[in-house]
Amino acid sequence: MSARHPRLLCSAHSPFSQPRSHHFHPSFLRHASTSTSTSAAPVPSSPQIRREIPPESPYFIHVPQPPQPQAVRLRWMKGTLPVPREIFKPTSTTDKTSPEYLSQVAPEPFPTRKNPAPTKDAQALIDFKAAGSALRRQNLREGLRTLKRRKTITDARIARASQKKQAAYKAATEAPERDDEYLSRATIMAHMTEPALWAARKAADLPARRARYAALVAEKEAEKRNHVHTLYMHAKDFIVTNEQLERRITEAFDEDPFYVNNPGLGIWDKEGFPESVKVLLGIKEQSLGTAVDQKYGYSEMTRERLQKIAEELTGGKM
């Protein structure tokens, strides 16, 4: 039985005889595999490694790791950094590193009065506050100068990088065609290229295009003259004087309308009912019936046709 199932024996070299609570990181396996890579036996069958890894560990079965560095997990920083203020604004004309500006934002202390003389403890406090004020003034001046110098260096570096990119882009766009592209390009005859074909097509179509353009200009001019003539013909109905305005107001807002003198009647009795759909369809289909004769009749339609013929002959509205 021991020959057929050697793993069932709980000997000193068996992994079942070791504690079951130890789990090892893959770095330990990599270190162990590196140290034992020169041996003839592979890592999974090495008794020294198998003895240290319990069978419930996920690393009990060795899986080869790729020869590349593992991802480094960055440390999580609590909180966020505030957005830095723009101290040196491009629109500002004040030099914040000049002595005049520094003397205004960090002025020197005024001379203290000698009378009455302060006590020893009061003098010590005064000296301590004066030292702190001097340190703050020094830090402010040095900080402004350092930030100005850092901004100058950063702007110069950005400008150099931008100029370098622009120069590279300009050189790439203006560079001549490379020999490998020229020699490997398909051979096309000069008169078969698109510009040559377009020039030939343009020369052939030029008279027809000029004629179309002239016809379009003439049509626009005729339409413009027609609009001007229509405006002139409709100008007779324009209200340009006070008498015309008064007459139109009186007609529109009569004090004695039709339905006042005729009780029970309305505007439809005075002006007539509007045309129905049947009447309009009868006009379109030229099927003049009784309803159409009541409104139009042959004389009205003949007048409209004669007016259209006259407008076509005279070239304007009538």
C-alpha atoms as a PDB file:
ATOM      1  CA  MET A   1       0.000   0.000   0.000  1.00  0.00           C
ATOM      2  CA  SER A   2       2.861   2.313   0.746  1.00  0.00           C
ATOM      3  CA  ALA A   3       4.358   1.607  -2.673  1.00  0.00           C
ATOM      4  CA  ARG A   4       1.090   2.393  -4.458  1.00  0.00           C
ATOM      5  CA  HIS A   5       0.123   5.503  -2.456  1.00  0.00           C
ATOM      6  CA  PRO A   6       3.265   7.221  -1.121  1.00  0.00           C
ATOM      7  CA  ARG A   7       1.394  10.507  -0.499  1.00  0.00           C
ATOM      8  CA  LEU A   8      -0.791   8.937   2.173  1.00  0.00           C
ATOM      9  CA  LEU A   9       2.168   8.484   4.509  1.00  0.00           C
ATOM     10  CA  CYS A  10       2.488  11.346   7.005  1.00  0.00           C
ATOM     11  CA  SER A  11       6.231  11.423   7.216  1.00  0.00           C
ATOM     12  CA  ALA A  12       8.543  14.291   8.018  1.00  0.00           C
ATOM     13  CA  HIS A  13       8.888  15.107   4.318  1.00  0.00           C
ATOM     14  CA  SER A  14       5.156  15.083   3.650  1.00  0.00           C
ATOM     15  CA  PRO A  15       3.359  18.417   3.303  1.00  0.00           C
ATOM     16  CA  PHE A  16       0.523  17.091   5.495  1.00  0.00           C
ATOM     17  CA  SER A  17       2.864  17.008   8.486  1.00  0.00           C
ATOM     18  CA  GLN A  18       3.390  20.829   8.349  1.00  0.00           C
ATOM     19  CA  PRO A  19       1.100  23.477   9.854  1.00  0.00           C
ATOM     20  CA  ARG A  20      -1.857  24.356   7.585  1.00  0.00           C
ATOM     21  CA  SER A  21      -1.983  28.078   8.354  1.00  0.00           C
ATOM     22  CA  HIS A  22       1.089  29.320   6.423  1.00  0.00           C
ATOM     23  CA  HIS A  23       0.587  30.962   3.039  1.00  0.00           C
ATOM     24  CA  PHE A  24       3.536  32.315   1.109  1.00  0.00           C
ATOM     25  CA  HIS A  25       3.729  35.170  -1.390  1.00  0.00           C
ATOM     26  CA  PRO A  26       4.840  34.528  -5.000  1.00  0.00           C
ATOM     27  CA  SER A  27       7.970  36.583  -4.299  1.00  0.00           C
ATOM     28  CA  PHE A  28       9.101  33.797  -1.973  1.00  0.00           C
ATOM     29  CA  LEU A  29       8.539  31.303  -4.789  1.00  0.00           C
ATOM     30  CA  ARG A  30      10.424  33.447  -7.268  1.00  0.00           C
ATOM     31  CA  HIS A  31      13.300  33.794  -4.830  1.00  0.00           C
ATOM     32  CA  ALA A  32      13.277  30.084  -4.141  1.00  0.00           C
ATOM     33  CA  SER A  33      13.015  29.207  -7.837  1.00  0.00           C
ATOM     34  CA  THR A  34      15.905  31.572  -8.585  1.00  0.00           C
ATOM     35  CA  SER A  35      18.055  30.018  -5.871  1.00  0.00           C
ATOM     36  CA  THR A  36      17.272  26.485  -7.026  1.00  0.00           C
ATOM     37  CA  SER A  37      17.237  27.154 -10.776  1.00  0.00           C
ATOM     38  CA  THR A  38      20.701  25.664 -11.101  1.00  0.00           C
ATOM     39  CA  SER A  39      19.593  22.368  -9.654  1.00  0.00           C
ATOM     40  CA  ALA A  40      18.557  19.499 -11.877  1.00  0.00           C
ATOM     41  CA  ALA A  41      15.081  19.085 -10.311  1.00  0.00           C
ATOM     42  CA  PRO A  42      12.349  21.679 -11.196  1.00  0.00           C
ATOM     43  CA  VAL A  43      10.791  23.904  -8.590  1.00  0.00           C
ATOM     44  CA  PRO A  44       7.429  22.115  -8.127  1.00  0.00           C
ATOM     45  CA  SER A  45       9.138  18.819  -7.329  1.00  0.00           C
ATOM     46  CA  SER A  46      11.722  20.354  -5.012  1.00  0.00           C
ATOM     47  CA  PRO A  47      11.166  18.792  -1.580  1.00  0.00           C
ATOM     48  CA  GLN A  48      12.488  21.873   0.197  1.00  0.00           C
ATOM     49  CA  ILE A  49       9.824  24.157  -1.332  1.00  0.00           C
ATOM     50  CA  ARG A  50       7.019  21.612  -1.158  1.00  0.00           C
ATOM     51  CA  ARG A  51       7.771  21.057   2.475  1.00  0.00           C
ATOM     52  CA  GLU A  52       7.153  24.753   3.316  1.00  0.00           C
ATOM     53  CA  ILE A  53       3.878  25.204   1.353  1.00  0.00           C
ATOM     54  CA  PRO A  54       0.725  23.539   2.708  1.00  0.00           C
ATOM     55  CA  PRO A  55      -1.628  21.864   0.222  1.00  0.00           C
ATOM     56  CA  GLU A  56      -4.494  24.323   0.889  1.00  0.00           C
ATOM     57  CA  SER A  57      -2.301  27.216  -0.273  1.00  0.00           C
ATOM     58  CA  PRO A  58      -2.994  28.540  -3.792  1.00  0.00           C
ATOM     59  CA  TYR A  59       0.761  28.371  -4.435  1.00  0.00           C
ATOM     60  CA  PHE A  60       0.983  24.652  -3.666  1.00  0.00           C
ATOM     61  CA  ILE A  61       0.958  23.993  -7.423  1.00  0.00           C
ATOM     62  CA  HIS A  62       3.739  25.989  -9.006  1.00  0.00           C
ATOM     63  CA  VAL A  63       2.763  28.194 -11.948  1.00  0.00           C
ATOM     64  CA  PRO A  64       5.702  29.750 -13.830  1.00  0.00           C
ATOM     65  CA  GLN A  65       5.758  33.534 -13.681  1.00  0.00           C
ATOM     66  CA  PRO A  66       6.550  35.583 -16.793  1.00  0.00           C
ATOM     67  CA  PRO A  67       9.999  37.189 -16.851  1.00  0.00           C
ATOM     68  CA  GLN A  68       8.737  40.725 -16.377  1.00  0.00           C
ATOM     69  CA  PRO A  69       8.450  43.050 -13.382  1.00  0.00           C
ATOM     70  CA  GLN A  70       5.223  42.980 -11.449  1.00  0.00           C
ATOM     71  CA  ALA A  71       2.958  46.001 -11.267  1.00  0.00           C
ATOM     72  CA  VAL A  72       3.872  48.303  -8.432  1.00  0.00           C
ATOM     73  CA  ARG A  73       0.824  49.476  -6.518  1.00  0.00           C
ATOM     74  CA  LEU A  74       1.109  53.159  -5.733  1.00  0.00           C
ATOM     75  CA  ARG A  75       0.485  54.344  -2.255  1.00  0.00           C
ATOM     76  CA  TRP A  76      -2.920  55.895  -1.738  1.00  0.00           C
ATOM     77  CA  MET A  77      -2.649  59.470  -0.476  1.00  0.00           C
ATOM     78  CA  LYS A  78      -5.482  60.741   1.670  1.00  0.00           C
ATOM     79  CA  GLY A  79      -6.971  64.049   0.679  1.00  0.00           C
ATOM     80  CA  THR A  80      -6.289  66.247  -2.322  1.00  0.00           C
ATOM     81  CA  LEU A  81      -3.842  69.038  -2.900  1.00  0.00           C
ATOM     82  CA  PRO A  82      -5.319  72.506  -3.422  1.00  0.00           C
ATOM     83  CA  VAL A  83      -5.050  74.224  -6.764  1.00  0.00           C
ATOM     84  CA  PRO A  84      -2.058  76.599  -6.596  1.00  0.00           C
ATOM     85  CA  ARG A  85      -2.786  80.250  -7.078  1.00  0.00           C
ATOM     86  CA  GLU A  86      -1.522  82.072 -10.125  1.00  0.00           C
ATOM     87  CA  ILE A  87       0.804  84.566  -8.479  1.00  0.00           C
ATOM     88  CA  PHE A  88       2.452  85.969 -11.596  1.00  0.00           C
ATOM     89  CA  LYS A  89      -0.485  86.663 -13.890  1.00  0.00           C
ATOM     90  CA  PRO A  90       0.273  87.487 -17.530  1.00  0.00           C
ATOM     91  CA  THR A  91      -2.046  90.511 -17.433  1.00  0.00           C
ATOM     92  CA  SER A  92      -0.376  91.998 -14.353  1.00  0.00           C
ATOM     93  CA  THR A  93       2.137  94.798 -14.886  1.00  0.00           C
ATOM     94  CA  THR A  94       3.514  94.694 -11.347  1.00  0.00           C
ATOM     95  CA  ASP A  95       6.881  93.068 -10.774  1.00  0.00           C
ATOM     96  CA  LYS A  96       6.369  91.187  -7.529  1.00  0.00           C
ATOM     97  CA  THR A  97      10.111  90.659  -7.043  1.00  0.00           C
ATOM     98  CA  SER A  98      11.006  94.347  -7.158  1.00  0.00           C
ATOM     99  CA  PRO A  99      12.138  96.102  -3.971  1.00  0.00           C
ATOM    100  CA  GLU A 100       9.227  98.544  -4.194  1.00  0.00           C
ATOM    101  CA  TYR A 101       6.630  95.771  -4.156  1.00  0.00           C
ATOM    102  CA  LEU A 102       8.407  93.840  -1.411  1.00  0.00           C
ATOM    103  CA  SER A 103       8.649  96.958   0.739  1.00  0.00           C
ATOM    104  CA  GLN A 104       4.892  97.425   0.398  1.00  0.00           C
ATOM    105  CA  VAL A 105       3.788  93.850   1.109  1.00  0.00           C
ATOM    106  CA  ALA A 106       6.406  93.278   3.825  1.00  0.00           C
ATOM    107  CA  PRO A 107       7.298  96.681   5.296  1.00  0.00           C
ATOM    108  CA  GLU A 108       9.972  97.117   7.899  1.00  0.00           C
ATOM    109  CA  PRO A 109       8.788  97.722  11.497  1.00  0.00           C
ATOM    110  CA  PHE A 110       8.396 101.243  12.789  1.00  0.00           C
ATOM    111  CA  PRO A 111      10.862 102.401  15.480  1.00  0.00           C
ATOM    112  CA  THR A 112       9.615 101.618  18.958  1.00  0.00           C
ATOM    113  CA  ARG A 113       9.260 104.230  21.670  1.00  0.00           C
ATOM    114  CA  LYS A 114      11.899 104.214  24.370  1.00  0.00           C
ATOM    115  CA  ASN A 115       9.706 105.769  27.098  1.00  0.00           C
ATOM    116  CA  PRO A 116       8.631 104.120  29.209  1.00  0.00           C
ATOM    117  CA  ALA A 117      11.304 101.449  29.030  1.00  0.00           C
ATOM    118  CA  PRO A 118       9.780  97.940  28.835  1.00  0.00           C
ATOM    119  CA  THR A 119      10.481  95.375  31.452  1.00  0.00           C
ATOM    120  CA  LYS A 120      12.746  92.392  30.870  1.00  0.00           C
ATOM    121  CA  ASP A 121       9.887  90.002  30.128  1.00  0.00           C
ATOM    122  CA  ALA A 122       8.163  92.513  27.851  1.00  0.00           C
ATOM    123  CA  GLN A 123      11.415  93.161  25.991  1.00  0.00           C
ATOM    124  CA  ALA A 124      11.913  89.426  25.490  1.00  0.00           C
ATOM    125  CA  LEU A 125       8.412  89.146  24.032  1.00  0.00           C
ATOM    126  CA  ILE A 126       9.047  92.139  21.765  1.00  0.00           C
ATOM    127  CA  ASP A 127      12.305  90.631  20.540  1.00  0.00           C
ATOM    128  CA  PHE A 128      10.603  87.273  19.909  1.00  0.00           C
ATOM    129  CA  LYS A 129       7.848  88.895  17.852  1.00  0.00           C
ATOM    130  CA  ALA A 130      10.376  90.990  15.953  1.00  0.00           C
ATOM    131  CA  ALA A 131      12.406  87.876  15.098  1.00  0.00           C
ATOM    132  CA  GLY A 132       9.252  86.132  13.866  1.00  0.00           C
ATOM    133  CA  SER A 133       8.296  89.141  11.729  1.00  0.00           C
ATOM    134  CA  ALA A 134      11.778  89.318  10.248  1.00  0.00           C
ATOM    135  CA  LEU A 135      11.666  85.607   9.435  1.00  0.00           C
ATOM    136  CA  ARG A 136       8.268  85.985   7.728  1.00  0.00           C
ATOM    137  CA  ARG A 137       9.520  88.940   5.668  1.00  0.00           C
ATOM    138  CA  GLN A 138      12.590  86.964   4.629  1.00  0.00           C
ATOM    139  CA  ASN A 139      10.524  83.896   3.714  1.00  0.00           C
ATOM    140  CA  LEU A 140       8.094  86.004   1.681  1.00  0.00           C
ATOM    141  CA  ARG A 141      10.882  87.683  -0.290  1.00  0.00           C
ATOM    142  CA  GLU A 142      12.784  84.479  -0.890  1.00  0.00           C
ATOM    143  CA  GLY A 143       9.574  82.635  -1.802  1.00  0.00           C
ATOM    144  CA  LEU A 144       8.541  85.233  -4.381  1.00  0.00           C
ATOM    145  CA  ARG A 145      12.000  85.298  -5.935  1.00  0.00           C
ATOM    146  CA  THR A 146      12.162  81.495  -6.019  1.00  0.00           C
ATOM    147  CA  LEU A 147       8.719  81.184  -7.577  1.00  0.00           C
ATOM    148  CA  LYS A 148       9.587  83.835 -10.152  1.00  0.00           C
ATOM    149  CA  ARG A 149      12.804  82.023 -11.055  1.00  0.00           C
ATOM    150  CA  ARG A 150      10.966  78.689 -11.243  1.00  0.00           C
ATOM    151  CA  LYS A 151       8.253  80.183 -13.462  1.00  0.00           C
ATOM    152  CA  THR A 152      10.866  81.678 -15.772  1.00  0.00           C
ATOM    153  CA  ILE A 153      12.644  78.331 -16.115  1.00  0.00           C
ATOM    154  CA  THR A 154       9.351  76.459 -16.660  1.00  0.00           C
ATOM    155  CA  ASP A 155       8.121  78.938 -19.286  1.00  0.00           C
ATOM    156  CA  ALA A 156      11.444  78.751 -21.103  1.00  0.00           C
ATOM    157  CA  ARG A 157      11.329  74.936 -21.087  1.00  0.00           C
ATOM    158  CA  ILE A 158       7.752  74.921 -22.406  1.00  0.00           C
ATOM    159  CA  ALA A 159       8.647  77.470 -25.085  1.00  0.00           C
ATOM    160  CA  ARG A 160      11.659  75.408 -26.193  1.00  0.00           C
ATOM    161  CA  ALA A 161       9.560  72.252 -26.380  1.00  0.00           C
ATOM    162  CA  SER A 162       6.860  74.067 -28.356  1.00  0.00           C
ATOM    163  CA  GLN A 163       9.383  75.544 -30.776  1.00  0.00           C
ATOM    164  CA  LYS A 164      10.978  72.148 -31.210  1.00  0.00           C
ATOM    165  CA  LYS A 165       7.621  70.544 -32.026  1.00  0.00           C
ATOM    166  CA  GLN A 166       6.721  73.328 -34.433  1.00  0.00           C
ATOM    167  CA  ALA A 167      10.071  73.057 -36.165  1.00  0.00           C
ATOM    168  CA  ALA A 168       9.708  69.277 -36.476  1.00  0.00           C
ATOM    169  CA  TYR A 169       6.171  69.652 -37.847  1.00  0.00           C
ATOM    170  CA  LYS A 170       7.279  72.298 -40.341  1.00  0.00           C
ATOM    171  CA  ALA A 171      10.234  70.199 -41.458  1.00  0.00           C
ATOM    172  CA  ALA A 172       7.985  67.156 -41.883  1.00  0.00           C
ATOM    173  CA  THR A 173       5.378  69.063 -43.883  1.00  0.00           C
ATOM    174  CA  GLU A 174       7.896  70.845 -46.112  1.00  0.00           C
ATOM    175  CA  ALA A 175      10.207  67.875 -46.583  1.00  0.00           C
ATOM    176  CA  PRO A 176      10.527  66.565 -50.153  1.00  0.00           C
ATOM    177  CA  GLU A 177       9.171  63.194 -51.105  1.00  0.00           C
ATOM    178  CA  ARG A 178      11.354  60.345 -49.958  1.00  0.00           C
ATOM    179  CA  ASP A 179      13.134  58.167 -52.473  1.00  0.00           C
ATOM    180  CA  ASP A 180      11.466  54.971 -51.305  1.00  0.00           C
ATOM    181  CA  GLU A 181       8.002  56.508 -51.695  1.00  0.00           C
ATOM    182  CA  TYR A 182       8.892  57.955 -55.101  1.00  0.00           C
ATOM    183  CA  LEU A 183      10.364  54.714 -56.391  1.00  0.00           C
ATOM    184  CA  SER A 184       7.564  52.522 -55.011  1.00  0.00           C
ATOM    185  CA  ARG A 185       4.696  54.736 -56.210  1.00  0.00           C
ATOM    186  CA  ALA A 186       2.605  53.509 -59.113  1.00  0.00           C
ATOM    187  CA  THR A 187       3.460  55.110 -62.443  1.00  0.00           C
ATOM    188  CA  ILE A 188       0.720  57.462 -63.681  1.00  0.00           C
ATOM    189  CA  MET A 189       0.984  59.524 -66.830  1.00  0.00           C
ATOM    190  CA  ALA A 190       0.843  63.279 -66.385  1.00  0.00           C
ATOM    191  CA  HIS A 191      -2.203  63.815 -68.626  1.00  0.00           C
ATOM    192  CA  MET A 192      -4.184  61.179 -66.658  1.00  0.00           C
ATOM    193  CA  THR A 193      -3.947  62.911 -63.303  1.00  0.00           C
ATOM    194  CA  GLU A 194      -6.953  64.610 -61.773  1.00  0.00           C
ATOM    195  CA  PRO A 195      -5.822  68.244 -62.348  1.00  0.00           C
ATOM    196  CA  ALA A 196      -5.172  67.559 -66.021  1.00  0.00           C
ATOM    197  CA  LEU A 197      -8.553  65.883 -66.477  1.00  0.00           C
ATOM    198  CA  TRP A 198     -10.315  68.689 -64.645  1.00  0.00           C
ATOM    199  CA  ALA A 199      -8.606  71.327 -66.801  1.00  0.00           C
ATOM    200  CA  ALA A 200      -9.703  69.565 -69.999  1.00  0.00           C
ATOM    201  CA  ARG A 201     -13.261  69.135 -68.712  1.00  0.00           C
ATOM    202  CA  LYS A 202     -13.371  72.765 -67.634  1.00  0.00           C
ATOM    203  CA  ALA A 203     -12.250  73.990 -71.066  1.00  0.00           C
ATOM    204  CA  ALA A 204     -14.914  71.875 -72.767  1.00  0.00           C
ATOM    205  CA  ASP A 205     -17.737  72.941 -70.441  1.00  0.00           C
ATOM    206  CA  LEU A 206     -16.793  76.612 -70.233  1.00  0.00           C
ATOM    207  CA  PRO A 207     -19.219  77.931 -72.945  1.00  0.00           C
ATOM    208  CA  ALA A 208     -22.180  76.012 -71.533  1.00  0.00           C
ATOM    209  CA  ARG A 209     -21.388  77.165 -68.010  1.00  0.00           C
ATOM    210  CA  ARG A 210     -21.164  80.775 -69.154  1.00  0.00           C
ATOM    211  CA  ALA A 211     -24.538  80.472 -70.879  1.00  0.00           C
ATOM    212  CA  ARG A 212     -26.123  78.991 -67.751  1.00  0.00           C
ATOM    213  CA  TYR A 213     -24.670  81.772 -65.630  1.00  0.00           C
ATOM    214  CA  ALA A 214     -25.955  84.464 -68.014  1.00  0.00           C
ATOM    215  CA  ALA A 215     -29.433  82.907 -68.002  1.00  0.00           C
ATOM    216  CA  LEU A 216     -29.435  82.796 -64.204  1.00  0.00           C
ATOM    217  CA  VAL A 217     -28.412  86.469 -63.987  1.00  0.00           C
ATOM    218  CA  ALA A 218     -31.119  87.467 -66.477  1.00  0.00           C
ATOM    219  CA  GLU A 219     -33.728  85.501 -64.529  1.00  0.00           C
ATOM    220  CA  LYS A 220     -32.753  87.224 -61.306  1.00  0.00           C
ATOM    221  CA  GLU A 221     -32.902  90.653 -62.962  1.00  0.00           C
ATOM    222  CA  ALA A 222     -36.362  89.910 -64.389  1.00  0.00           C
ATOM    223  CA  GLU A 223     -37.599  88.755 -61.012  1.00  0.00           C
ATOM    224  CA  LYS A 224     -36.232  91.887 -59.403  1.00  0.00           C
ATOM    225  CA  ARG A 225     -37.971  94.140 -61.974  1.00  0.00           C
ATOM    226  CA  ASN A 226     -41.202  92.217 -61.463  1.00  0.00           C
ATOM    227  CA  HIS A 227     -41.026  92.768 -57.712  1.00  0.00           C
ATOM    228  CA  VAL A 228     -40.391  96.482 -58.185  1.00  0.00           C
ATOM    229  CA  HIS A 229     -43.319  96.797 -60.605  1.00  0.00           C
ATOM    230  CA  THR A 230     -45.598  94.876 -58.240  1.00  0.00           C
ATOM    231  CA  LEU A 231     -44.610  97.213 -55.420  1.00  0.00           C
ATOM    232  CA  TYR A 232     -45.391 100.189 -57.676  1.00  0.00           C
ATOM    233  CA  MET A 233     -48.817  98.841 -58.604  1.00  0.00           C
ATOM    234  CA  HIS A 234     -49.679  98.107 -54.961  1.00  0.00           C
ATOM    235  CA  ALA A 235     -48.513 101.557 -53.860  1.00  0.00           C
ATOM    236  CA  LYS A 236     -51.902 103.013 -54.814  1.00  0.00           C
ATOM    237  CA  ASP A 237     -53.369 101.307 -51.766  1.00  0.00           C
ATOM    238  CA  PHE A 238     -50.708 102.536 -49.338  1.00  0.00           C
ATOM    239  CA  ILE A 239     -51.742 104.878 -46.524  1.00  0.00           C
ATOM    240  CA  VAL A 240     -49.528 107.939 -46.741  1.00  0.00           C
ATOM    241  CA  THR A 241     -51.797 110.766 -45.503  1.00  0.00           C
ATOM    242  CA  ASN A 242     -53.915 111.393 -42.445  1.00  0.00           C
ATOM    243  CA  GLU A 243     -57.075 111.588 -44.546  1.00  0.00           C
ATOM    244  CA  GLN A 244     -56.488 108.086 -45.935  1.00  0.00           C
ATOM    245  CA  LEU A 245     -55.807 106.744 -42.437  1.00  0.00           C
ATOM    246  CA  GLU A 246     -58.988 108.351 -41.102  1.00  0.00           C
ATOM    247  CA  ARG A 247     -61.050 106.927 -43.969  1.00  0.00           C
ATOM    248  CA  ARG A 248     -59.670 103.409 -43.450  1.00  0.00           C
ATOM    249  CA  ILE A 249     -60.296 103.570 -39.704  1.00  0.00           C
ATOM    250  CA  THR A 250     -63.870 104.706 -40.320  1.00  0.00           C
ATOM    251  CA  GLU A 251     -64.428 101.839 -42.750  1.00  0.00           C
ATOM    252  CA  ALA A 252     -62.929  99.266 -40.385  1.00  0.00           C
ATOM    253  CA  PHE A 253     -64.542 100.564 -37.172  1.00  0.00           C
ATOM    254  CA  ASP A 254     -67.902 101.917 -38.283  1.00  0.00           C
ATOM    255  CA  GLU A 255     -70.174 103.096 -35.487  1.00  0.00           C
ATOM    256  CA  ASP A 256     -73.208 101.543 -37.156  1.00  0.00           C
ATOM    257  CA  PRO A 257     -72.167  98.056 -38.264  1.00  0.00           C
ATOM    258  CA  PHE A 258     -74.349  95.730 -40.283  1.00  0.00           C
ATOM    259  CA  TYR A 259     -75.323  93.353 -37.516  1.00  0.00           C
ATOM    260  CA  VAL A 260     -76.498  96.251 -35.273  1.00  0.00           C
ATOM    261  CA  ASN A 261     -79.177  97.399 -37.720  1.00  0.00           C
ATOM    262  CA  ASN A 262     -80.094  93.804 -38.539  1.00  0.00           C
ATOM    263  CA  PRO A 263     -80.566  91.876 -35.296  1.00  0.00           C
ATOM    264  CA  GLY A 264     -79.877  88.189 -35.526  1.00  0.00           C
ATOM    265  CA  LEU A 265     -77.531  88.580 -38.469  1.00  0.00           C
ATOM    266  CA  GLY A 266     -73.738  88.641 -38.518  1.00  0.00           C
ATOM    267  CA  ILE A 267     -70.768  89.287 -40.721  1.00  0.00           C
ATOM    268  CA  TRP A 268     -71.456  86.165 -42.793  1.00  0.00           C
ATOM    269  CA  ASP A 269     -74.805  87.610 -43.841  1.00  0.00           C
ATOM    270  CA  LYS A 270     -73.094  90.761 -45.061  1.00  0.00           C
ATOM    271  CA  GLU A 271     -69.985  89.349 -46.705  1.00  0.00           C
ATOM    272  CA  GLY A 272     -71.305  85.922 -47.545  1.00  0.00           C
ATOM    273  CA  PHE A 273     -70.172  82.521 -46.398  1.00  0.00           C
ATOM    274  CA  PRO A 274     -66.641  81.378 -47.250  1.00  0.00           C
ATOM    275  CA  GLU A 275     -66.078  78.848 -49.996  1.00  0.00           C
ATOM    276  CA  SER A 276     -66.424  75.249 -48.967  1.00  0.00           C
ATOM    277  CA  VAL A 277     -64.130  72.425 -49.972  1.00  0.00           C
ATOM    278  CA  LYS A 278     -66.624  71.289 -52.584  1.00  0.00           C
ATOM    279  CA  VAL A 279     -66.641  74.735 -54.189  1.00  0.00           C
ATOM    280  CA  LEU A 280     -62.872  74.921 -54.262  1.00  0.00           C
ATOM    281  CA  LEU A 281     -62.616  71.448 -55.794  1.00  0.00           C
ATOM    282  CA  GLY A 282     -65.203  72.465 -58.392  1.00  0.00           C
ATOM    283  CA  ILE A 283     -63.103  75.499 -59.314  1.00  0.00           C
ATOM    284  CA  LYS A 284     -59.995  73.369 -59.642  1.00  0.00           C
ATOM    285  CA  GLU A 285     -61.703  70.753 -61.791  1.00  0.00           C
ATOM    286  CA  GLN A 286     -63.513  73.444 -63.830  1.00  0.00           C
ATOM    287  CA  SER A 287     -66.858  71.842 -63.086  1.00  0.00           C
ATOM    288  CA  LEU A 288     -68.865  75.011 -62.692  1.00  0.00           C
ATOM    289  CA  GLY A 289     -72.062  74.211 -60.938  1.00  0.00           C
ATOM    290  CA  THR A 290     -74.737  76.288 -59.265  1.00  0.00           C
ATOM    291  CA  ALA A 291     -72.644  76.986 -56.167  1.00  0.00           C
ATOM    292  CA  VAL A 292     -69.751  78.269 -58.255  1.00  0.00           C
ATOM    293  CA  ASP A 293     -71.969  80.403 -60.461  1.00  0.00           C
ATOM    294  CA  GLN A 294     -73.347  82.142 -57.398  1.00  0.00           C
ATOM    295  CA  LYS A 295     -69.858  83.327 -56.384  1.00  0.00           C
ATOM    296  CA  TYR A 296     -67.810  83.537 -59.557  1.00  0.00           C
ATOM    297  CA  GLY A 297     -69.626  82.861 -62.780  1.00  0.00           C
ATOM    298  CA  TYR A 298     -68.015  82.815 -66.186  1.00  0.00           C
ATOM    299  CA  SER A 299     -67.463  86.552 -66.312  1.00  0.00           C
ATOM    300  CA  GLU A 300     -65.323  86.533 -63.125  1.00  0.00           C
ATOM    301  CA  MET A 301     -63.127  83.701 -64.324  1.00  0.00           C
ATOM    302  CA  THR A 302     -62.790  85.310 -67.723  1.00  0.00           C
ATOM    303  CA  ARG A 303     -61.712  88.559 -66.100  1.00  0.00           C
ATOM    304  CA  GLU A 304     -59.026  86.783 -64.055  1.00  0.00           C
ATOM    305  CA  ARG A 305     -57.692  85.015 -67.139  1.00  0.00           C
ATOM    306  CA  LEU A 306     -57.591  88.239 -69.136  1.00  0.00           C
ATOM    307  CA  GLN A 307     -55.766  89.944 -66.289  1.00  0.00           C
ATOM    308  CA  LYS A 308     -53.108  87.210 -66.245  1.00  0.00           C
ATOM    309  CA  ILE A 309     -52.697  87.471 -70.029  1.00  0.00           C
ATOM    310  CA  ALA A 310     -52.321  91.243 -69.783  1.00  0.00           C
ATOM    311  CA  GLU A 311     -49.725  90.894 -67.008  1.00  0.00           C
ATOM    312  CA  GLU A 312     -47.724  88.501 -69.163  1.00  0.00           C
ATOM    313  CA  LEU A 313     -47.883  90.872 -72.143  1.00  0.00           C
ATOM    314  CA  THR A 314     -47.019  94.022 -70.209  1.00  0.00           C
ATOM    315  CA  GLY A 315     -44.402  92.343 -68.017  1.00  0.00           C
ATOM    316  CA  GLY A 316     -45.813  93.415 -64.658  1.00  0.00           C
ATOM    317  CA  LYS A 317     -48.672  93.251 -62.225  1.00  0.00           C
ATOM    318  CA  MET A 318     -51.907  95.067 -63.001  1.00  0.00           C
END
